[in-house]
Amino acid sequence: MPKKPCVDKDTCIGCGLCVGSHPEIFAFDDEGKADVIAEGEDADVEDAISSCPVSAISE
């Protein structure tokens, strides 16, 4: 079932792991921070959450 993650813009450092790994879910905003552009499969969202080095992504 698709999930829509959330990005804490105050915590995000714009490293690009989520955008690079899951460009169908994330993109960079005008400030160079991650932005959610679509829902993603559970496994992809969980991967992005666990991969974020500053824990800026949540469900």
N, C-alpha and C. Protein backbone atom coordinates (compact mmCIF):
# COMPACT_ATOMS: atom_id res chain seq x y z
N MET A 1 0.85 -1.18 0.00
CA MET A 1 0.00 0.00 0.00
C MET A 1 0.89 1.25 0.00
N PRO A 2 0.63 2.20 -0.85
CA PRO A 2 1.46 3.41 -0.91
C PRO A 2 1.39 4.24 0.37
N LYS A 3 2.52 4.82 0.70
CA LYS A 3 2.62 5.72 1.84
C LYS A 3 3.16 7.05 1.35
N LYS A 4 2.78 8.13 2.03
CA LYS A 4 3.33 9.44 1.72
C LYS A 4 4.23 9.86 2.89
N PRO A 5 5.53 9.90 2.65
CA PRO A 5 6.44 10.31 3.71
C PRO A 5 6.37 11.82 3.96
N CYS A 6 6.98 12.24 5.05
CA CYS A 6 7.09 13.66 5.38
C CYS A 6 8.57 13.99 5.56
N VAL A 7 8.95 15.19 5.16
CA VAL A 7 10.32 15.66 5.33
C VAL A 7 10.31 16.86 6.27
N ASP A 8 11.12 16.78 7.32
CA ASP A 8 11.29 17.90 8.24
C ASP A 8 12.33 18.84 7.61
N LYS A 9 11.87 19.94 7.05
CA LYS A 9 12.74 20.86 6.31
C LYS A 9 13.78 21.51 7.22
N ASP A 10 13.47 21.65 8.51
CA ASP A 10 14.44 22.24 9.43
C ASP A 10 15.60 21.29 9.71
N THR A 11 15.36 20.00 9.58
CA THR A 11 16.38 18.99 9.85
C THR A 11 17.13 18.59 8.59
N CYS A 12 16.45 18.60 7.45
CA CYS A 12 17.04 18.17 6.18
C CYS A 12 18.30 18.98 5.85
N ILE A 13 19.36 18.27 5.44
CA ILE A 13 20.61 18.94 5.06
C ILE A 13 20.82 18.92 3.54
N GLY A 14 19.87 18.37 2.81
CA GLY A 14 19.95 18.35 1.35
C GLY A 14 21.03 17.44 0.80
N CYS A 15 21.31 16.34 1.49
CA CYS A 15 22.39 15.45 1.05
C CYS A 15 22.05 14.72 -0.24
N GLY A 16 20.77 14.51 -0.51
CA GLY A 16 20.36 13.92 -1.77
C GLY A 16 20.21 12.41 -1.80
N LEU A 17 20.41 11.73 -0.68
CA LEU A 17 20.25 10.27 -0.68
C LEU A 17 18.84 9.86 -1.08
N CYS A 18 17.84 10.52 -0.54
CA CYS A 18 16.46 10.15 -0.86
C CYS A 18 16.12 10.47 -2.31
N VAL A 19 16.56 11.62 -2.78
CA VAL A 19 16.29 12.03 -4.16
C VAL A 19 16.99 11.09 -5.14
N GLY A 20 18.22 10.74 -4.84
CA GLY A 20 18.97 9.85 -5.71
C GLY A 20 18.44 8.42 -5.72
N SER A 21 18.00 7.96 -4.56
CA SER A 21 17.52 6.58 -4.44
C SER A 21 16.07 6.42 -4.88
N HIS A 22 15.27 7.45 -4.67
CA HIS A 22 13.84 7.35 -4.94
C HIS A 22 13.32 8.64 -5.60
N PRO A 23 13.78 8.92 -6.83
CA PRO A 23 13.37 10.16 -7.50
C PRO A 23 11.88 10.21 -7.86
N GLU A 24 11.21 9.07 -7.79
CA GLU A 24 9.78 9.05 -8.03
C GLU A 24 8.99 9.55 -6.82
N ILE A 25 9.66 9.65 -5.66
CA ILE A 25 9.01 10.09 -4.42
C ILE A 25 9.52 11.46 -3.98
N PHE A 26 10.81 11.72 -4.17
CA PHE A 26 11.45 12.93 -3.66
C PHE A 26 12.08 13.76 -4.78
N ALA A 27 12.13 15.06 -4.57
CA ALA A 27 12.84 15.98 -5.45
C ALA A 27 13.40 17.09 -4.56
N PHE A 28 14.31 17.89 -5.11
CA PHE A 28 14.82 19.04 -4.36
C PHE A 28 13.88 20.22 -4.54
N ASP A 29 13.68 20.98 -3.45
CA ASP A 29 12.90 22.20 -3.55
C ASP A 29 13.83 23.36 -3.93
N ASP A 30 13.32 24.57 -3.94
CA ASP A 30 14.10 25.73 -4.35
C ASP A 30 15.26 26.05 -3.40
N GLU A 31 15.18 25.52 -2.18
CA GLU A 31 16.23 25.76 -1.19
C GLU A 31 17.24 24.61 -1.13
N GLY A 32 17.09 23.61 -2.02
CA GLY A 32 18.00 22.48 -2.04
C GLY A 32 17.72 21.42 -1.00
N LYS A 33 16.53 21.46 -0.45
CA LYS A 33 16.13 20.46 0.54
C LYS A 33 15.17 19.48 -0.11
N ALA A 34 15.05 18.30 0.48
CA ALA A 34 14.17 17.26 -0.06
C ALA A 34 12.71 17.68 0.07
N ASP A 35 11.95 17.33 -0.95
CA ASP A 35 10.52 17.61 -0.98
C ASP A 35 9.82 16.34 -1.44
N VAL A 36 8.69 16.02 -0.84
CA VAL A 36 7.92 14.84 -1.23
C VAL A 36 7.04 15.23 -2.41
N ILE A 37 7.17 14.47 -3.51
CA ILE A 37 6.39 14.78 -4.71
C ILE A 37 5.33 13.72 -5.01
N ALA A 38 5.40 12.58 -4.31
CA ALA A 38 4.43 11.50 -4.57
C ALA A 38 4.48 10.49 -3.43
N GLU A 39 3.44 9.68 -3.38
CA GLU A 39 3.45 8.55 -2.46
C GLU A 39 4.41 7.50 -3.01
N GLY A 40 4.85 6.61 -2.13
CA GLY A 40 5.74 5.54 -2.55
C GLY A 40 5.37 4.22 -1.92
N GLU A 41 5.91 3.16 -2.47
CA GLU A 41 5.68 1.84 -1.90
C GLU A 41 6.28 1.78 -0.50
N ASP A 42 5.68 0.96 0.36
CA ASP A 42 6.14 0.83 1.74
C ASP A 42 7.65 0.63 1.84
N ALA A 43 8.18 -0.30 1.07
CA ALA A 43 9.61 -0.62 1.15
C ALA A 43 10.47 0.57 0.75
N ASP A 44 10.05 1.33 -0.25
CA ASP A 44 10.82 2.49 -0.69
C ASP A 44 10.80 3.60 0.35
N VAL A 45 9.64 3.83 0.96
CA VAL A 45 9.53 4.85 2.00
C VAL A 45 10.36 4.44 3.21
N GLU A 46 10.28 3.19 3.61
CA GLU A 46 11.07 2.70 4.75
C GLU A 46 12.56 2.82 4.46
N ASP A 47 12.98 2.54 3.23
CA ASP A 47 14.38 2.66 2.85
C ASP A 47 14.84 4.11 2.97
N ALA A 48 14.02 5.03 2.49
CA ALA A 48 14.37 6.45 2.59
C ALA A 48 14.47 6.90 4.04
N ILE A 49 13.54 6.45 4.86
CA ILE A 49 13.55 6.80 6.28
C ILE A 49 14.83 6.29 6.94
N SER A 50 15.16 5.05 6.70
CA SER A 50 16.35 4.46 7.36
C SER A 50 17.66 4.97 6.77
N SER A 51 17.64 5.46 5.55
CA SER A 51 18.86 5.94 4.90
C SER A 51 19.20 7.39 5.22
N CYS A 52 18.23 8.16 5.64
CA CYS A 52 18.46 9.59 5.89
C CYS A 52 19.45 9.75 7.05
N PRO A 53 20.59 10.42 6.79
CA PRO A 53 21.62 10.53 7.84
C PRO A 53 21.24 11.43 9.01
N VAL A 54 20.22 12.27 8.83
CA VAL A 54 19.81 13.16 9.92
C VAL A 54 18.39 12.89 10.40
N SER A 55 17.83 11.78 9.96
CA SER A 55 16.46 11.36 10.36
C SER A 55 15.42 12.44 10.09
N ALA A 56 15.50 13.06 8.92
CA ALA A 56 14.56 14.11 8.54
C ALA A 56 13.30 13.57 7.88
N ILE A 57 13.26 12.27 7.57
CA ILE A 57 12.11 11.69 6.88
C ILE A 57 11.35 10.80 7.85
N SER A 58 10.04 10.95 7.82
CA SER A 58 9.16 10.11 8.64
C SER A 58 7.93 9.75 7.86
N GLU A 59 7.08 8.91 8.44
CA GLU A 59 5.82 8.52 7.78
C GLU A 59 4.75 9.53 8.08
